[in-house]
PDB file of N, CA and C in Angstrom:
ATOM      1  N   UNK A   1     -15.245  -4.200 -18.331  1.00  0.00           N
ATOM      2  CA  UNK A   1     -14.514  -4.995 -17.331  1.00  0.00           C
ATOM      3  C   UNK A   1     -13.803  -4.051 -16.366  1.00  0.00           C
ATOM      4  N   UNK A   2     -14.094  -4.215 -15.096  1.00  0.00           N
ATOM      5  CA  UNK A   2     -13.411  -3.412 -14.078  1.00  0.00           C
ATOM      6  C   UNK A   2     -11.957  -3.821 -13.968  1.00  0.00           C
ATOM      7  N   UNK A   3     -11.117  -2.814 -13.752  1.00  0.00           N
ATOM      8  CA  UNK A   3      -9.714  -3.117 -13.523  1.00  0.00           C
ATOM      9  C   UNK A   3      -9.181  -2.114 -12.513  1.00  0.00           C
ATOM     10  N   UNK A   4      -8.764  -2.620 -11.371  1.00  0.00           N
ATOM     11  CA  UNK A   4      -8.218  -1.750 -10.335  1.00  0.00           C
ATOM     12  C   UNK A   4      -6.712  -1.678 -10.491  1.00  0.00           C
ATOM     13  N   UNK A   5      -6.170  -0.489 -10.264  1.00  0.00           N
ATOM     14  CA  UNK A   5      -4.718  -0.333 -10.228  1.00  0.00           C
ATOM     15  C   UNK A   5      -4.376   0.444  -8.988  1.00  0.00           C
ATOM     16  N   UNK A   6      -3.382  -0.048  -8.254  1.00  0.00           N
ATOM     17  CA  UNK A   6      -2.974   0.647  -7.034  1.00  0.00           C
ATOM     18  C   UNK A   6      -1.506   0.349  -6.776  1.00  0.00           C
ATOM     19  N   UNK A   7      -0.893   1.213  -5.985  1.00  0.00           N
ATOM     20  CA  UNK A   7       0.523   1.064  -5.663  1.00  0.00           C
ATOM     21  C   UNK A   7       0.677   0.440  -4.290  1.00  0.00           C
ATOM     22  N   UNK A   8       1.708  -0.376  -4.160  1.00  0.00           N
ATOM     23  CA  UNK A   8       2.034  -0.955  -2.858  1.00  0.00           C
ATOM     24  C   UNK A   8       3.522  -0.760  -2.592  1.00  0.00           C
ATOM     25  N   UNK A   9       3.890  -0.917  -1.346  1.00  0.00           N
ATOM     26  CA  UNK A   9       5.296  -0.954  -0.966  1.00  0.00           C
ATOM     27  C   UNK A   9       5.529  -2.357  -0.420  1.00  0.00           C
ATOM     28  N   UNK A  10       6.386  -3.113  -1.079  1.00  0.00           N
ATOM     29  CA  UNK A  10       6.676  -4.476  -0.648  1.00  0.00           C
ATOM     30  C   UNK A  10       7.809  -4.444   0.370  1.00  0.00           C
ATOM     31  N   UNK A  11       7.646  -5.225   1.433  1.00  0.00           N
ATOM     32  CA  UNK A  11       8.677  -5.314   2.472  1.00  0.00           C
ATOM     33  C   UNK A  11       9.056  -6.790   2.590  1.00  0.00           C
ATOM     34  N   UNK A  12      10.089  -7.209   1.830  1.00  0.00           N
ATOM     35  CA  UNK A  12      10.481  -8.622   1.862  1.00  0.00           C
ATOM     36  C   UNK A  12      11.190  -8.987   3.162  1.00  0.00           C
ATOM     37  N   UNK A  13      11.317 -10.274   3.401  1.00  0.00           N
ATOM     38  CA  UNK A  13      12.014 -10.829   4.568  1.00  0.00           C
ATOM     39  C   UNK A  13      11.426 -10.334   5.888  1.00  0.00           C
ATOM     40  N   UNK A  14      10.100 -10.181   5.948  1.00  0.00           N
ATOM     41  CA  UNK A  14       9.431  -9.788   7.184  1.00  0.00           C
ATOM     42  C   UNK A  14       9.164 -11.027   8.030  1.00  0.00           C
ATOM     43  N   UNK A  15       8.853 -10.804   9.314  1.00  0.00           N
ATOM     44  CA  UNK A  15       8.599 -11.942  10.198  1.00  0.00           C
ATOM     45  C   UNK A  15       7.280 -12.625   9.865  1.00  0.00           C
ATOM     46  N   UNK A  16       6.308 -11.870   9.336  1.00  0.00           N
ATOM     47  CA  UNK A  16       5.055 -12.517   8.927  1.00  0.00           C
ATOM     48  C   UNK A  16       4.496 -11.849   7.683  1.00  0.00           C
ATOM     49  N   UNK A  17       3.660 -12.590   6.971  1.00  0.00           N
ATOM     50  CA  UNK A  17       3.040 -12.069   5.752  1.00  0.00           C
ATOM     51  C   UNK A  17       1.753 -11.357   6.126  1.00  0.00           C
ATOM     52  N   UNK A  18       1.666 -10.085   5.777  1.00  0.00           N
ATOM     53  CA  UNK A  18       0.430  -9.351   6.049  1.00  0.00           C
ATOM     54  C   UNK A  18       0.365  -8.098   5.189  1.00  0.00           C
ATOM     55  N   UNK A  19      -0.848  -7.535   5.117  1.00  0.00           N
ATOM     56  CA  UNK A  19      -1.069  -6.305   4.361  1.00  0.00           C
ATOM     57  C   UNK A  19      -1.561  -5.260   5.342  1.00  0.00           C
ATOM     58  N   UNK A  20      -0.929  -4.081   5.324  1.00  0.00           N
ATOM     59  CA  UNK A  20      -1.350  -2.997   6.209  1.00  0.00           C
ATOM     60  C   UNK A  20      -1.499  -1.714   5.403  1.00  0.00           C
ATOM     61  N   UNK A  21      -2.421  -0.864   5.845  1.00  0.00           N
ATOM     62  CA  UNK A  21      -2.592   0.449   5.229  1.00  0.00           C
ATOM     63  C   UNK A  21      -2.284   1.482   6.310  1.00  0.00           C
ATOM     64  N   UNK A  22      -1.332   2.383   6.019  1.00  0.00           N
ATOM     65  CA  UNK A  22      -0.972   3.388   7.029  1.00  0.00           C
ATOM     66  C   UNK A  22      -1.899   4.601   6.955  1.00  0.00           C
ATOM     67  N   UNK A  23      -1.656   5.586   7.830  1.00  0.00           N
ATOM     68  CA  UNK A  23      -2.529   6.762   7.897  1.00  0.00           C
ATOM     69  C   UNK A  23      -2.622   7.513   6.573  1.00  0.00           C
ATOM     70  N   UNK A  24      -1.549   7.505   5.810  1.00  0.00           N
ATOM     71  CA  UNK A  24      -1.558   8.225   4.531  1.00  0.00           C
ATOM     72  C   UNK A  24      -2.249   7.440   3.423  1.00  0.00           C
ATOM     73  N   UNK A  25      -2.697   6.220   3.733  1.00  0.00           N
ATOM     74  CA  UNK A  25      -3.353   5.411   2.716  1.00  0.00           C
ATOM     75  C   UNK A  25      -2.394   4.576   1.897  1.00  0.00           C
ATOM     76  N   UNK A  26      -1.121   4.526   2.304  1.00  0.00           N
ATOM     77  CA  UNK A  26      -0.155   3.688   1.594  1.00  0.00           C
ATOM     78  C   UNK A  26      -0.371   2.230   1.982  1.00  0.00           C
ATOM     79  N   UNK A  27      -0.346   1.350   0.988  1.00  0.00           N
ATOM     80  CA  UNK A  27      -0.517  -0.075   1.242  1.00  0.00           C
ATOM     81  C   UNK A  27       0.866  -0.697   1.349  1.00  0.00           C
ATOM     82  N   UNK A  28       1.128  -1.332   2.489  1.00  0.00           N
ATOM     83  CA  UNK A  28       2.400  -2.033   2.673  1.00  0.00           C
ATOM     84  C   UNK A  28       2.113  -3.516   2.734  1.00  0.00           C
ATOM     85  N   UNK A  29       2.849  -4.274   1.940  1.00  0.00           N
ATOM     86  CA  UNK A  29       2.687  -5.722   1.912  1.00  0.00           C
ATOM     87  C   UNK A  29       3.961  -6.331   2.485  1.00  0.00           C
ATOM     88  N   UNK A  30       3.811  -6.930   3.664  1.00  0.00           N
ATOM     89  CA  UNK A  30       4.947  -7.564   4.337  1.00  0.00           C
ATOM     90  C   UNK A  30       5.013  -9.022   3.889  1.00  0.00           C
ATOM     91  N   UNK A  31       6.203  -9.450   3.449  1.00  0.00           N
ATOM     92  CA  UNK A  31       6.377 -10.785   2.872  1.00  0.00           C
ATOM     93  C   UNK A  31       7.501 -11.527   3.578  1.00  0.00           C
ATOM     94  N   UNK A  32       7.291 -12.820   3.828  1.00  0.00           N
ATOM     95  CA  UNK A  32       8.345 -13.666   4.406  1.00  0.00           C
ATOM     96  C   UNK A  32       9.484 -13.880   3.422  1.00  0.00           C
ATOM     97  N   UNK A  33       9.130 -14.004   2.153  1.00  0.00           N
ATOM     98  CA  UNK A  33      10.103 -14.394   1.131  1.00  0.00           C
ATOM     99  C   UNK A  33      11.166 -13.329   0.886  1.00  0.00           C
ATOM    100  N   UNK A  34      12.364 -13.782   0.545  1.00  0.00           N
ATOM    101  CA  UNK A  34      13.408 -12.827   0.133  1.00  0.00           C
ATOM    102  C   UNK A  34      13.154 -12.406  -1.312  1.00  0.00           C
ATOM    103  N   UNK A  35      13.665 -11.244  -1.706  1.00  0.00           N
ATOM    104  CA  UNK A  35      13.459 -10.792  -3.095  1.00  0.00           C
ATOM    105  C   UNK A  35      14.412 -11.480  -4.068  1.00  0.00           C
ATOM    106  N   UNK A  36      14.357 -12.811  -4.130  1.00  0.00           N
ATOM    107  CA  UNK A  36      15.256 -13.600  -4.964  1.00  0.00           C
ATOM    108  C   UNK A  36      14.429 -14.452  -5.910  1.00  0.00           C
ATOM    109  N   UNK A  37      14.790 -14.461  -7.182  1.00  0.00           N
ATOM    110  CA  UNK A  37      14.111 -15.284  -8.194  1.00  0.00           C
ATOM    111  C   UNK A  37      12.602 -15.067  -8.223  1.00  0.00           C
ATOM    112  N   UNK A  38      12.155 -13.859  -7.917  1.00  0.00           N
ATOM    113  CA  UNK A  38      10.725 -13.562  -7.987  1.00  0.00           C
ATOM    114  C   UNK A  38       9.891 -14.168  -6.864  1.00  0.00           C
ATOM    115  N   UNK A  39      10.542 -14.728  -5.831  1.00  0.00           N
ATOM    116  CA  UNK A  39       9.792 -15.385  -4.750  1.00  0.00           C
ATOM    117  C   UNK A  39       8.892 -14.404  -4.004  1.00  0.00           C
ATOM    118  N   UNK A  40       9.394 -13.210  -3.744  1.00  0.00           N
ATOM    119  CA  UNK A  40       8.584 -12.215  -3.033  1.00  0.00           C
ATOM    120  C   UNK A  40       7.390 -11.791  -3.897  1.00  0.00           C
ATOM    121  N   UNK A  41       7.589 -11.655  -5.204  1.00  0.00           N
ATOM    122  CA  UNK A  41       6.485 -11.287  -6.100  1.00  0.00           C
ATOM    123  C   UNK A  41       5.395 -12.362  -6.103  1.00  0.00           C
ATOM    124  N   UNK A  42       5.807 -13.628  -6.115  1.00  0.00           N
ATOM    125  CA  UNK A  42       4.844 -14.731  -6.103  1.00  0.00           C
ATOM    126  C   UNK A  42       4.063 -14.721  -4.794  1.00  0.00           C
ATOM    127  N   UNK A  43       4.774 -14.532  -3.675  1.00  0.00           N
ATOM    128  CA  UNK A  43       4.099 -14.488  -2.382  1.00  0.00           C
ATOM    129  C   UNK A  43       3.149 -13.291  -2.308  1.00  0.00           C
ATOM    130  N   UNK A  44       3.557 -12.167  -2.868  1.00  0.00           N
ATOM    131  CA  UNK A  44       2.734 -10.959  -2.886  1.00  0.00           C
ATOM    132  C   UNK A  44       1.406 -11.235  -3.609  1.00  0.00           C
ATOM    133  N   UNK A  45       1.473 -11.854  -4.773  1.00  0.00           N
ATOM    134  CA  UNK A  45       0.268 -12.169  -5.544  1.00  0.00           C
ATOM    135  C   UNK A  45      -0.598 -13.182  -4.792  1.00  0.00           C
ATOM    136  N   UNK A  46       0.041 -14.203  -4.189  1.00  0.00           N
ATOM    137  CA  UNK A  46      -0.710 -15.198  -3.417  1.00  0.00           C
ATOM    138  C   UNK A  46      -1.432 -14.551  -2.245  1.00  0.00           C
ATOM    139  N   UNK A  47      -0.756 -13.650  -1.548  1.00  0.00           N
ATOM    140  CA  UNK A  47      -1.331 -12.982  -0.380  1.00  0.00           C
ATOM    141  C   UNK A  47      -2.509 -12.090  -0.793  1.00  0.00           C
ATOM    142  N   UNK A  48      -2.320 -11.297  -1.847  1.00  0.00           N
ATOM    143  CA  UNK A  48      -3.402 -10.436  -2.332  1.00  0.00           C
ATOM    144  C   UNK A  48      -4.593 -11.276  -2.798  1.00  0.00           C
ATOM    145  N   UNK A  49      -4.312 -12.386  -3.462  1.00  0.00           N
ATOM    146  CA  UNK A  49      -5.367 -13.279  -3.937  1.00  0.00           C
ATOM    147  C   UNK A  49      -6.197 -13.806  -2.766  1.00  0.00           C
ATOM    148  N   UNK A  50      -5.527 -14.219  -1.702  1.00  0.00           N
ATOM    149  CA  UNK A  50      -6.229 -14.755  -0.527  1.00  0.00           C
ATOM    150  C   UNK A  50      -7.044 -13.669   0.169  1.00  0.00           C
ATOM    151  N   UNK A  51      -6.462 -12.487   0.328  1.00  0.00           N
ATOM    152  CA  UNK A  51      -7.146 -11.400   1.046  1.00  0.00           C
ATOM    153  C   UNK A  51      -8.336 -10.863   0.252  1.00  0.00           C
ATOM    154  N   UNK A  52      -8.187 -10.767  -1.061  1.00  0.00           N
ATOM    155  CA  UNK A  52      -9.258 -10.217  -1.899  1.00  0.00           C
ATOM    156  C   UNK A  52     -10.244 -11.292  -2.338  1.00  0.00           C
ATOM    157  N   UNK A  53      -9.901 -12.548  -2.070  1.00  0.00           N
ATOM    158  CA  UNK A  53     -10.738 -13.701  -2.448  1.00  0.00           C
ATOM    159  C   UNK A  53     -11.029 -13.727  -3.954  1.00  0.00           C
ATOM    160  N   UNK A  54      -9.962 -13.569  -4.725  1.00  0.00           N
ATOM    161  CA  UNK A  54     -10.071 -13.681  -6.178  1.00  0.00           C
ATOM    162  C   UNK A  54      -8.930 -14.558  -6.697  1.00  0.00           C
ATOM    163  N   UNK A  55      -9.059 -14.990  -7.924  1.00  0.00           N
ATOM    164  CA  UNK A  55      -8.055 -15.875  -8.522  1.00  0.00           C
ATOM    165  C   UNK A  55      -6.731 -15.141  -8.723  1.00  0.00           C
ATOM    166  N   UNK A  56      -5.636 -15.879  -8.520  1.00  0.00           N
ATOM    167  CA  UNK A  56      -4.299 -15.301  -8.710  1.00  0.00           C
ATOM    168  C   UNK A  56      -4.105 -14.804 -10.138  1.00  0.00           C
ATOM    169  N   UNK A  57      -4.804 -15.460 -11.087  1.00  0.00           N
ATOM    170  CA  UNK A  57      -4.652 -15.070 -12.495  1.00  0.00           C
ATOM    171  C   UNK A  57      -5.228 -13.669 -12.757  1.00  0.00           C
ATOM    172  N   UNK A  58      -6.055 -13.150 -11.834  1.00  0.00           N
ATOM    173  CA  UNK A  58      -6.625 -11.804 -11.995  1.00  0.00           C
ATOM    174  C   UNK A  58      -5.705 -10.713 -11.469  1.00  0.00           C
ATOM    175  N   UNK A  59      -4.585 -11.102 -10.870  1.00  0.00           N
ATOM    176  CA  UNK A  59      -3.675 -10.122 -10.266  1.00  0.00           C
ATOM    177  C   UNK A  59      -2.360 -10.130 -11.024  1.00  0.00           C
ATOM    178  N   UNK A  60      -1.870  -8.937 -11.356  1.00  0.00           N
ATOM    179  CA  UNK A  60      -0.559  -8.874 -12.005  1.00  0.00           C
ATOM    180  C   UNK A  60       0.219  -7.669 -11.478  1.00  0.00           C
ATOM    181  N   UNK A  61       1.533  -7.779 -11.576  1.00  0.00           N
ATOM    182  CA  UNK A  61       2.409  -6.675 -11.195  1.00  0.00           C
ATOM    183  C   UNK A  61       2.722  -5.916 -12.472  1.00  0.00           C
ATOM    184  N   UNK A  62       2.178  -4.693 -12.567  1.00  0.00           N
ATOM    185  CA  UNK A  62       2.351  -3.892 -13.783  1.00  0.00           C
ATOM    186  C   UNK A  62       3.741  -3.252 -13.828  1.00  0.00           C
ATOM    187  N   UNK A  63       4.163  -2.720 -12.679  1.00  0.00           N
ATOM    188  CA  UNK A  63       5.459  -2.032 -12.605  1.00  0.00           C
ATOM    189  C   UNK A  63       6.146  -2.424 -11.313  1.00  0.00           C
ATOM    190  N   UNK A  64       7.463  -2.401 -11.326  1.00  0.00           N
ATOM    191  CA  UNK A  64       8.212  -2.587 -10.087  1.00  0.00           C
ATOM    192  C   UNK A  64       8.506  -4.023  -9.730  1.00  0.00           C
ATOM    193  N   UNK A  65       8.607  -4.899 -10.727  1.00  0.00           N
ATOM    194  CA  UNK A  65       8.897  -6.312 -10.445  1.00  0.00           C
ATOM    195  C   UNK A  65      10.193  -6.461  -9.646  1.00  0.00           C
ATOM    196  N   UNK A  66      11.137  -5.541  -9.858  1.00  0.00           N
ATOM    197  CA  UNK A  66      12.437  -5.670  -9.196  1.00  0.00           C
ATOM    198  C   UNK A  66      12.642  -4.661  -8.078  1.00  0.00           C
ATOM    199  N   UNK A  67      11.587  -3.911  -7.738  1.00  0.00           N
ATOM    200  CA  UNK A  67      11.743  -2.904  -6.687  1.00  0.00           C
ATOM    201  C   UNK A  67      10.738  -3.077  -5.577  1.00  0.00           C
ATOM    202  N   UNK A  68      10.859  -2.247  -4.549  1.00  0.00           N
ATOM    203  CA  UNK A  68       9.919  -2.301  -3.430  1.00  0.00           C
ATOM    204  C   UNK A  68       8.593  -1.641  -3.790  1.00  0.00           C
ATOM    205  N   UNK A  69       8.650  -0.594  -4.625  1.00  0.00           N
ATOM    206  CA  UNK A  69       7.425   0.103  -5.029  1.00  0.00           C
ATOM    207  C   UNK A  69       6.855  -0.582  -6.264  1.00  0.00           C
ATOM    208  N   UNK A  70       5.647  -1.107  -6.130  1.00  0.00           N
ATOM    209  CA  UNK A  70       5.042  -1.858  -7.218  1.00  0.00           C
ATOM    210  C   UNK A  70       3.674  -1.284  -7.563  1.00  0.00           C
ATOM    211  N   UNK A  71       3.297  -1.414  -8.817  1.00  0.00           N
ATOM    212  CA  UNK A  71       1.941  -1.087  -9.241  1.00  0.00           C
ATOM    213  C   UNK A  71       1.251  -2.406  -9.525  1.00  0.00           C
ATOM    214  N   UNK A  72       0.156  -2.646  -8.811  1.00  0.00           N
ATOM    215  CA  UNK A  72      -0.586  -3.896  -8.929  1.00  0.00           C
ATOM    216  C   UNK A  72      -1.861  -3.639  -9.723  1.00  0.00           C
ATOM    217  N   UNK A  73      -2.203  -4.590 -10.579  1.00  0.00           N
ATOM    218  CA  UNK A  73      -3.427  -4.504 -11.364  1.00  0.00           C
ATOM    219  C   UNK A  73      -4.302  -5.699 -10.995  1.00  0.00           C
ATOM    220  N   UNK A  74      -5.588  -5.424 -10.722  1.00  0.00           N
ATOM    221  CA  UNK A  74      -6.533  -6.484 -10.373  1.00  0.00           C
ATOM    222  C   UNK A  74      -7.714  -6.385 -11.332  1.00  0.00           C
ATOM    223  N   UNK A  75      -7.936  -7.422 -12.135  1.00  0.00           N
ATOM    224  CA  UNK A  75      -9.077  -7.373 -13.050  1.00  0.00           C
ATOM    225  C   UNK A  75     -10.306  -7.958 -12.360  1.00  0.00           C
ATOM    226  N   UNK A  76     -11.462  -7.400 -12.688  1.00  0.00           N
ATOM    227  CA  UNK A  76     -12.720  -7.874 -12.127  1.00  0.00           C
ATOM    228  C   UNK A  76     -13.166  -7.132 -10.882  1.00  0.00           C
ATOM    229  N   UNK A  77     -12.373  -6.172 -10.420  1.00  0.00           N
ATOM    230  CA  UNK A  77     -12.742  -5.370  -9.248  1.00  0.00           C
ATOM    231  C   UNK A  77     -12.380  -3.922  -9.513  1.00  0.00           C
ATOM    232  N   UNK A  78     -13.132  -3.001  -8.912  1.00  0.00           N
ATOM    233  CA  UNK A  78     -12.765  -1.597  -9.020  1.00  0.00           C
ATOM    234  C   UNK A  78     -11.754  -1.270  -7.922  1.00  0.00           C
ATOM    235  N   UNK A  79     -11.051  -0.165  -8.076  1.00  0.00           N
ATOM    236  CA  UNK A  79     -10.074   0.248  -7.072  1.00  0.00           C
ATOM    237  C   UNK A  79     -10.762   0.438  -5.724  1.00  0.00           C
ATOM    238  N   UNK A  80     -11.988   0.989  -5.742  1.00  0.00           N
ATOM    239  CA  UNK A  80     -12.728   1.202  -4.493  1.00  0.00           C
ATOM    240  C   UNK A  80     -13.017  -0.131  -3.799  1.00  0.00           C
ATOM    241  N   UNK A  81     -13.410  -1.136  -4.581  1.00  0.00           N
ATOM    242  CA  UNK A  81     -13.700  -2.460  -4.004  1.00  0.00           C
ATOM    243  C   UNK A  81     -12.451  -3.064  -3.366  1.00  0.00           C
ATOM    244  N   UNK A  82     -11.327  -2.922  -4.060  1.00  0.00           N
ATOM    245  CA  UNK A  82     -10.062  -3.457  -3.539  1.00  0.00           C
ATOM    246  C   UNK A  82      -9.717  -2.764  -2.217  1.00  0.00           C
ATOM    247  N   UNK A  83      -9.831  -1.440  -2.193  1.00  0.00           N
ATOM    248  CA  UNK A  83      -9.491  -0.678  -0.990  1.00  0.00           C
ATOM    249  C   UNK A  83     -10.414  -1.056   0.165  1.00  0.00           C
ATOM    250  N   UNK A  84     -11.715  -1.209  -0.109  1.00  0.00           N
ATOM    251  CA  UNK A  84     -12.663  -1.596   0.942  1.00  0.00           C
ATOM    252  C   UNK A  84     -12.265  -2.943   1.555  1.00  0.00           C
ATOM    253  N   UNK A  85     -11.941  -3.902   0.678  1.00  0.00           N
ATOM    254  CA  UNK A  85     -11.575  -5.225   1.180  1.00  0.00           C
ATOM    255  C   UNK A  85     -10.288  -5.179   1.987  1.00  0.00           C
ATOM    256  N   UNK A  86      -9.305  -4.415   1.507  1.00  0.00           N
ATOM    257  CA  UNK A  86      -8.029  -4.349   2.216  1.00  0.00           C
ATOM    258  C   UNK A  86      -8.185  -3.623   3.558  1.00  0.00           C
ATOM    259  N   UNK A  87      -9.024  -2.610   3.603  1.00  0.00           N
ATOM    260  CA  UNK A  87      -9.238  -1.858   4.844  1.00  0.00           C
ATOM    261  C   UNK A  87      -9.981  -2.689   5.882  1.00  0.00           C
ATOM    262  N   UNK A  88     -10.785  -3.643   5.413  1.00  0.00           N
ATOM    263  CA  UNK A  88     -11.592  -4.423   6.348  1.00  0.00           C
ATOM    264  C   UNK A  88     -10.805  -5.596   6.960  1.00  0.00           C
ATOM    265  N   UNK A  89      -9.531  -5.709   6.628  1.00  0.00           N
ATOM    266  CA  UNK A  89      -8.726  -6.829   7.139  1.00  0.00           C
ATOM    267  C   UNK A  89      -8.361  -6.613   8.593  1.00  0.00           C
TER     268      UNK A  89
END
């Protein structure tokens, strides 16, 4: 079973929800939700699910539930597949 793991930087309370990759290859996930009661984490998973076109149940936050730097795990895809899909956005 493929399992991708990658790090993101969450930016809560942004004007719009989007995923961007900067020149260094860092993935930034901009979220409308405030970091209160896990709302930003839920939006983060929903956004990744929509962009990667996979079920939300396949995505989990391994580390950083309470911080901006998070480690995301996606089952059923390789890290390369995830990066290709995110870059093509």
